């Protein structure tokens, strides 16, 4: 009797196994993906991984959104994308696999073609990452223009942390910017990264070619519509001709011009330096905004009832970058009408003028 039940159990097990294999072989080429699960991640956020993938599933509450229809090759490509993402973050031994769980529900897509709904699960095994072992910063001519210790403190790549490609590239940009702030805008930074997966270590070397020492030259303003008078642009400029070139002053100048709320584009770029004295001519291209702007709004509150708000703004009054604004606000609690005039760089680069006048009437419950 025991042998009979044992034989019956073996037969059932074999049949179930063959059925599972047949279902796996019968997995259709076209799948409608209803859900994607990701497990095993510890160092990266889920949204970072999903961003790197090509197949994306909408949130469950978005019932109107269509589910992606893909082939299994697309899922395999996404597994490779996840691997590349992890490698760029220092995980050179990552292992990513996926499993498809078809629920058996099929839908017709075209004549003679069916798609099967399925869930996909990606299983990630991060394993040990590659860490930065050494960082070397050298100048091509051997001259120490900026202390190496200061440069090492200024870059995001650090010894003992994971070797991440993004931080490696950002460090190159910051080193170039650091030399640009010291009068070397033409500095070139090259880098090499030797990764040793066997020991999980990386050795990074940056070589900086400073180039010539430079100074600010004259600034040519390209403004076909003569938007703002030259004295306003001069006051917004964060440098003077003859000063040591500093990329931070270039950025400050662009920021000052944008803050005038007159230009929709203000691009300040250096041109080729004079080989004799190192002076760098600057080119400033300006594109103005529309002078007039109208805003209107409506809202409702339990205490103040219906809220109405409107504003009319005139920019660049008299081509001096001044801004004249008429504003009105009304609710059950207050009514306000105001006129505001802002004049930046009124007397010099450190002064501004603001004039405001208006009427305010408040309603107080008795």
Protein backbone atom coordinates (compact mmCIF):
# COMPACT_ATOMS: atom_id res chain seq x y z
CA UNK A 1 0.00 0.00 0.00
CA UNK A 2 2.81 2.38 0.88
CA UNK A 3 4.54 1.72 -2.43
CA UNK A 4 1.33 2.52 -4.31
CA UNK A 5 0.92 5.96 -2.69
CA UNK A 6 4.59 6.71 -3.14
CA UNK A 7 4.30 5.83 -6.82
CA UNK A 8 1.20 8.00 -7.14
CA UNK A 9 2.99 10.96 -5.49
CA UNK A 10 5.91 10.68 -7.91
CA UNK A 11 3.57 10.59 -10.91
CA UNK A 12 1.72 13.71 -9.75
CA UNK A 13 5.02 15.55 -9.10
CA UNK A 14 6.32 14.71 -12.57
CA UNK A 15 3.07 15.85 -14.21
CA UNK A 16 3.11 19.16 -12.34
CA UNK A 17 6.74 19.74 -13.32
CA UNK A 18 6.03 19.03 -16.95
CA UNK A 19 3.01 21.33 -16.81
CA UNK A 20 5.13 24.14 -15.36
CA UNK A 21 7.78 23.65 -18.05
CA UNK A 22 5.09 23.66 -20.74
CA UNK A 23 3.65 26.91 -19.38
CA UNK A 24 7.10 28.48 -19.32
CA UNK A 25 7.75 27.41 -22.88
CA UNK A 26 4.33 28.69 -23.85
CA UNK A 27 5.07 32.15 -22.46
CA UNK A 28 3.91 34.53 -25.19
CA UNK A 29 6.23 36.93 -26.93
CA UNK A 30 3.98 39.89 -26.04
CA UNK A 31 3.22 40.77 -22.43
CA UNK A 32 1.03 43.42 -20.84
CA UNK A 33 2.84 44.46 -17.67
CA UNK A 34 0.53 45.34 -14.78
CA UNK A 35 3.09 45.56 -12.02
CA UNK A 36 6.87 45.76 -11.53
CA UNK A 37 8.47 44.81 -8.22
CA UNK A 38 12.08 45.52 -7.26
CA UNK A 39 13.66 43.83 -4.27
CA UNK A 40 17.17 43.58 -2.88
CA UNK A 41 18.01 47.27 -3.33
CA UNK A 42 19.68 48.91 -0.33
CA UNK A 43 21.93 51.69 -1.62
CA UNK A 44 19.82 53.17 -4.42
CA UNK A 45 16.32 54.60 -4.29
CA UNK A 46 13.56 52.84 -6.16
CA UNK A 47 12.76 55.94 -8.21
CA UNK A 48 16.39 56.09 -9.41
CA UNK A 49 16.16 52.53 -10.68
CA UNK A 50 12.78 53.09 -12.33
CA UNK A 51 14.11 56.21 -14.03
CA UNK A 52 16.87 54.14 -15.65
CA UNK A 53 14.39 51.58 -16.98
CA UNK A 54 12.51 51.85 -20.27
CA UNK A 55 9.47 49.84 -19.19
CA UNK A 56 7.43 51.78 -16.63
CA UNK A 57 4.10 51.05 -14.99
CA UNK A 58 1.82 53.86 -13.84
CA UNK A 59 0.69 54.14 -10.24
CA UNK A 60 -2.28 51.96 -9.30
CA UNK A 61 -4.55 54.91 -8.60
CA UNK A 62 -4.17 56.06 -12.22
CA UNK A 63 -6.80 53.62 -13.43
CA UNK A 64 -7.10 55.41 -16.76
CA UNK A 65 -3.41 54.92 -17.66
CA UNK A 66 -2.52 52.22 -20.17
CA UNK A 67 -0.22 49.41 -19.15
CA UNK A 68 2.93 48.89 -21.25
CA UNK A 69 2.95 46.07 -23.81
CA UNK A 70 6.45 44.68 -24.24
CA UNK A 71 8.47 41.67 -25.33
CA UNK A 72 10.67 39.70 -22.97
CA UNK A 73 13.74 41.21 -24.66
CA UNK A 74 12.64 44.61 -23.30
CA UNK A 75 12.67 43.24 -19.76
CA UNK A 76 16.12 41.79 -20.29
CA UNK A 77 17.33 45.16 -21.60
CA UNK A 78 16.01 46.81 -18.43
CA UNK A 79 17.91 44.28 -16.32
CA UNK A 80 21.08 45.35 -18.15
CA UNK A 81 20.20 49.02 -17.58
CA UNK A 82 19.91 48.36 -13.85
CA UNK A 83 23.32 46.65 -13.92
CA UNK A 84 24.89 49.65 -15.68
CA UNK A 85 23.27 52.03 -13.19
CA UNK A 86 24.69 50.10 -10.26
CA UNK A 87 28.13 49.93 -11.86
CA UNK A 88 28.10 53.71 -12.32
CA UNK A 89 27.49 53.93 -8.56
CA UNK A 90 30.43 51.67 -7.71
CA UNK A 91 28.75 48.25 -7.56
CA UNK A 92 30.83 46.34 -10.11
CA UNK A 93 29.73 42.92 -8.82
CA UNK A 94 25.98 43.53 -8.90
CA UNK A 95 23.74 40.70 -10.03
CA UNK A 96 20.28 41.46 -11.45
CA UNK A 97 17.72 38.87 -12.46
CA UNK A 98 14.04 39.02 -13.27
CA UNK A 99 11.07 36.69 -13.08
CA UNK A 100 7.80 36.87 -15.03
CA UNK A 101 4.55 35.84 -13.38
CA UNK A 102 1.88 35.49 -16.08
CA UNK A 103 -1.62 35.43 -14.64
CA UNK A 104 -3.10 33.70 -17.69
CA UNK A 105 -5.48 36.49 -18.66
CA UNK A 106 -5.20 37.13 -22.37
CA UNK A 107 -6.46 39.95 -24.55
CA UNK A 108 -6.60 40.37 -28.30
CA UNK A 109 -4.36 43.08 -29.63
CA UNK A 110 -4.54 42.53 -33.36
CA UNK A 111 -6.09 39.89 -35.56
CA UNK A 112 -4.53 36.57 -34.66
CA UNK A 113 -2.32 38.03 -31.86
CA UNK A 114 -2.89 37.81 -28.13
CA UNK A 115 -1.16 39.43 -25.19
CA UNK A 116 -0.99 38.00 -21.68
CA UNK A 117 -1.04 40.14 -18.54
CA UNK A 118 1.89 39.59 -16.20
CA UNK A 119 3.86 40.87 -13.23
CA UNK A 120 7.63 41.29 -13.32
CA UNK A 121 9.93 41.05 -10.33
CA UNK A 122 13.56 42.23 -10.48
CA UNK A 123 15.84 40.65 -7.90
CA UNK A 124 19.00 42.65 -7.11
CA UNK A 125 22.05 41.43 -5.27
CA UNK A 126 24.33 44.44 -4.78
CA UNK A 127 27.43 42.71 -3.34
CA UNK A 128 30.47 44.67 -2.13
CA UNK A 129 31.13 48.04 -3.84
CA UNK A 130 34.38 49.48 -5.19
CA UNK A 131 35.80 52.16 -2.88
CA UNK A 132 38.07 55.09 -3.72
CA UNK A 133 41.53 54.16 -2.45
CA UNK A 134 43.62 57.16 -3.58
CA UNK A 135 43.05 60.57 -5.21
CA UNK A 136 46.00 62.36 -6.77
CA UNK A 137 45.85 65.95 -8.10
CA UNK A 138 48.78 67.26 -10.12
CA UNK A 139 49.52 70.28 -12.29
CA UNK A 140 51.11 69.80 -15.68
CA UNK A 141 53.92 72.28 -15.00
CA UNK A 142 54.44 71.18 -11.40
CA UNK A 143 53.56 74.65 -10.06
CA UNK A 144 51.31 74.70 -6.98
CA UNK A 145 48.80 77.46 -7.73
CA UNK A 146 46.21 76.12 -5.29
CA UNK A 147 47.16 73.89 -2.32
CA UNK A 148 46.30 70.26 -3.05
CA UNK A 149 44.68 69.86 0.37
CA UNK A 150 42.25 72.68 -0.48
CA UNK A 151 41.45 71.09 -3.83
CA UNK A 152 40.77 67.71 -2.22
CA UNK A 153 38.39 69.32 0.26
CA UNK A 154 36.50 71.13 -2.52
CA UNK A 155 35.58 68.08 -4.61
CA UNK A 156 32.77 65.61 -3.81
CA UNK A 157 34.87 62.51 -4.57
CA UNK A 158 36.46 61.28 -1.33
CA UNK A 159 38.72 58.41 -0.36
CA UNK A 160 36.96 55.63 1.48
CA UNK A 161 33.64 56.26 -0.27
CA UNK A 162 32.12 54.42 -3.23
CA UNK A 163 33.60 55.23 -6.61
CA UNK A 164 30.74 56.89 -8.47
CA UNK A 165 31.12 58.08 -12.06
CA UNK A 166 28.91 61.11 -11.44
CA UNK A 167 31.09 62.34 -8.58
CA UNK A 168 34.20 61.67 -10.66
CA UNK A 169 32.89 63.93 -13.46
CA UNK A 170 31.60 66.60 -11.06
CA UNK A 171 35.02 66.75 -9.41
CA UNK A 172 36.64 67.50 -12.79
CA UNK A 173 34.22 70.38 -13.35
CA UNK A 174 34.79 71.79 -9.86
CA UNK A 175 38.57 71.67 -10.27
CA UNK A 176 38.29 73.62 -13.53
CA UNK A 177 35.96 76.10 -11.84
CA UNK A 178 38.33 76.47 -8.90
CA UNK A 179 41.22 77.43 -11.19
CA UNK A 180 38.89 79.73 -13.14
CA UNK A 181 38.25 81.60 -9.90
CA UNK A 182 42.00 82.12 -9.50
CA UNK A 183 42.56 83.78 -12.87
CA UNK A 184 42.93 80.69 -15.07
CA UNK A 185 39.70 80.41 -17.12
CA UNK A 186 41.43 78.31 -19.79
CA UNK A 187 42.49 75.60 -17.35
CA UNK A 188 42.02 72.05 -18.65
CA UNK A 189 41.45 69.09 -16.36
CA UNK A 190 42.06 65.51 -17.47
CA UNK A 191 41.41 62.51 -15.31
CA UNK A 192 42.01 58.79 -15.14
CA UNK A 193 40.32 56.24 -12.92
CA UNK A 194 41.81 52.79 -12.48
CA UNK A 195 39.25 50.38 -11.08
CA UNK A 196 40.38 47.06 -9.60
CA UNK A 197 37.28 44.87 -9.13
CA UNK A 198 39.35 42.04 -7.66
CA UNK A 199 40.29 44.19 -4.65
CA UNK A 200 37.28 46.56 -4.81
CA UNK A 201 39.57 49.59 -5.00
CA UNK A 202 39.88 52.56 -7.36
CA UNK A 203 42.79 54.94 -7.92
CA UNK A 204 41.91 58.37 -9.31
CA UNK A 205 44.30 60.90 -10.82
CA UNK A 206 43.53 64.43 -12.02
CA UNK A 207 46.06 66.40 -14.07
CA UNK A 208 45.45 70.15 -14.41
CA UNK A 209 46.91 72.30 -17.17
CA UNK A 210 46.36 75.88 -15.88
CA UNK A 211 47.04 77.81 -19.06
CA UNK A 212 47.85 81.54 -19.01
CA UNK A 213 46.91 83.87 -16.19
CA UNK A 214 44.07 86.12 -17.37
CA UNK A 215 42.38 89.41 -16.52
CA UNK A 216 38.99 90.88 -17.38
CA UNK A 217 38.95 92.96 -20.56
CA UNK A 218 36.32 95.24 -22.01
CA UNK A 219 32.73 94.00 -22.28
CA UNK A 220 30.83 94.18 -25.57
CA UNK A 221 27.06 94.31 -25.06
CA UNK A 222 24.88 92.81 -27.80
CA UNK A 223 21.40 94.29 -27.35
CA UNK A 224 19.74 95.12 -30.67
CA UNK A 225 16.69 96.68 -29.01
CA UNK A 226 18.73 98.84 -26.60
CA UNK A 227 16.72 97.40 -23.73
CA UNK A 228 18.55 98.95 -20.79
CA UNK A 229 20.83 101.94 -20.56
CA UNK A 230 24.53 101.15 -20.41
CA UNK A 231 25.00 102.59 -16.91
CA UNK A 232 22.55 100.05 -15.46
CA UNK A 233 24.38 97.16 -17.11
CA UNK A 234 27.68 98.53 -15.80
CA UNK A 235 26.32 98.67 -12.25
CA UNK A 236 25.04 95.09 -12.51
CA UNK A 237 28.43 93.91 -13.72
CA UNK A 238 30.38 92.17 -10.95
CA UNK A 239 33.85 93.00 -12.31
CA UNK A 240 35.91 95.80 -13.77
CA UNK A 241 38.42 95.74 -16.67
CA UNK A 242 41.90 94.90 -15.44
CA UNK A 243 40.76 92.75 -12.50
CA UNK A 244 41.96 89.17 -12.15
CA UNK A 245 39.61 86.86 -13.99
CA UNK A 246 37.17 85.09 -11.68
CA UNK A 247 34.40 82.75 -12.87
CA UNK A 248 32.41 83.56 -9.73
CA UNK A 249 32.19 87.20 -10.82
CA UNK A 250 30.93 86.10 -14.23
CA UNK A 251 28.18 84.06 -12.56
CA UNK A 252 27.35 86.95 -10.22
CA UNK A 253 26.97 89.31 -13.19
CA UNK A 254 24.55 86.98 -14.95
CA UNK A 255 22.59 86.54 -11.73
CA UNK A 256 22.37 90.31 -11.24
CA UNK A 257 21.06 90.80 -14.77
CA UNK A 258 18.43 88.08 -14.38
CA UNK A 259 17.30 89.59 -11.08
CA UNK A 260 16.44 92.82 -12.89
CA UNK A 261 13.42 90.93 -14.29
CA UNK A 262 13.98 92.66 -17.62
CA UNK A 263 15.81 89.98 -19.60
CA UNK A 264 14.67 86.50 -20.52
CA UNK A 265 18.25 85.72 -21.55
CA UNK A 266 21.56 87.19 -20.38
CA UNK A 267 24.59 85.26 -21.61
CA UNK A 268 28.07 86.43 -20.63
CA UNK A 269 30.93 84.59 -22.30
CA UNK A 270 34.69 85.12 -22.51
CA UNK A 271 36.44 85.42 -25.86
CA UNK A 272 40.02 84.55 -26.73
CA UNK A 273 42.51 86.31 -24.42
CA UNK A 274 45.12 88.75 -25.64
CA UNK A 275 48.37 86.75 -25.85
CA UNK A 276 50.44 89.78 -24.80
CA UNK A 277 48.71 90.94 -21.61
CA UNK A 278 46.21 88.14 -20.87
CA UNK A 279 43.17 90.42 -21.01
CA UNK A 280 39.98 88.53 -21.87
CA UNK A 281 37.32 90.43 -23.85
CA UNK A 282 33.81 89.61 -22.61
CA UNK A 283 30.70 89.29 -24.79
CA UNK A 284 27.28 89.94 -23.22
CA UNK A 285 24.16 89.00 -25.20
CA UNK A 286 20.82 90.28 -23.90
CA UNK A 287 17.28 89.36 -24.91
CA UNK A 288 14.48 91.39 -23.28
CA UNK A 289 11.22 90.25 -21.77
CA UNK A 290 7.90 91.79 -22.73
CA UNK A 291 7.47 95.08 -20.95
CA UNK A 292 3.86 94.56 -19.88
CA UNK A 293 2.52 91.74 -17.76
CA UNK A 294 -1.00 91.13 -16.45
CA UNK A 295 -1.96 88.63 -13.74
CA UNK A 296 -5.40 87.79 -12.40
CA UNK A 297 -6.56 85.32 -9.78
CA UNK A 298 -9.65 84.16 -7.94
CA UNK A 299 -10.08 82.07 -4.82
CA UNK A 300 -12.35 81.31 -1.91
CA UNK A 301 -11.85 81.01 1.84
CA UNK A 302 -14.16 80.14 4.71
CA UNK A 303 -13.38 83.38 6.54
CA UNK A 304 -12.71 85.89 3.79
CA UNK A 305 -15.14 84.56 1.17
CA UNK A 306 -14.39 85.18 -2.49
CA UNK A 307 -10.89 86.53 -3.10
CA UNK A 308 -10.13 88.56 -6.22
CA UNK A 309 -6.65 89.69 -7.19
CA UNK A 310 -5.22 91.48 -10.19
CA UNK A 311 -1.90 93.07 -11.07
CA UNK A 312 -0.48 95.04 -13.99
CA UNK A 313 3.28 95.41 -14.30
CA UNK A 314 5.33 97.59 -16.61
CA UNK A 315 8.99 96.62 -16.82
CA UNK A 316 12.01 98.70 -17.68
CA UNK A 317 10.51 102.12 -17.18
CA UNK A 318 12.57 104.75 -19.04
CA UNK A 319 15.06 101.99 -19.97
CA UNK A 320 16.46 102.11 -16.44
CA UNK A 321 15.27 98.60 -15.44
CA UNK A 322 12.66 100.13 -13.13
CA UNK A 323 9.43 98.23 -12.50
CA UNK A 324 6.03 99.90 -12.01
CA UNK A 325 3.29 97.70 -10.59
CA UNK A 326 -0.42 98.37 -9.93
CA UNK A 327 -2.07 95.78 -7.72
CA UNK A 328 -5.61 95.34 -6.39
CA UNK A 329 -6.90 92.78 -3.90
CA UNK A 330 -10.43 92.27 -2.63
CA UNK A 331 -12.05 89.89 -0.13
CA UNK A 332 -14.78 90.03 2.51
CA UNK A 333 -12.17 91.03 5.10
CA UNK A 334 -10.11 93.62 3.23
CA UNK A 335 -9.75 95.71 0.12
CA UNK A 336 -6.35 96.90 -1.01
CA UNK A 337 -5.09 99.01 -3.90
CA UNK A 338 -1.38 99.74 -4.21
CA UNK A 339 1.20 101.19 -6.56
CA UNK A 340 4.81 100.07 -6.26
CA UNK A 341 7.86 101.37 -8.09
CA UNK A 342 11.19 99.50 -7.81
CA UNK A 343 14.39 101.01 -9.17
CA UNK A 344 17.47 98.77 -8.87
CA UNK A 345 20.95 100.33 -8.94
CA UNK A 346 19.43 103.73 -8.26
CA UNK A 347 22.63 105.56 -7.41
CA UNK A 348 25.30 102.91 -7.72
CA UNK A 349 25.71 99.12 -7.68
CA UNK A 350 24.82 98.98 -3.96
CA UNK A 351 21.71 101.14 -3.86
CA UNK A 352 18.05 100.61 -4.76
CA UNK A 353 14.91 102.72 -4.56
CA UNK A 354 11.40 101.51 -3.73
CA UNK A 355 8.28 103.71 -3.53
CA UNK A 356 4.90 102.35 -2.49
CA UNK A 357 1.56 104.06 -2.11
CA UNK A 358 -1.94 102.73 -1.79
CA UNK A 359 -5.10 102.26 0.22
CA UNK A 360 -6.10 99.50 2.61
CA UNK A 361 -9.57 99.05 4.09
CA UNK A 362 -10.24 96.23 6.54
CA UNK A 363 -13.57 94.91 7.73
CA UNK A 364 -13.62 93.92 11.39
CA UNK A 365 -16.49 91.78 12.71
CA UNK A 366 -18.23 93.47 15.60
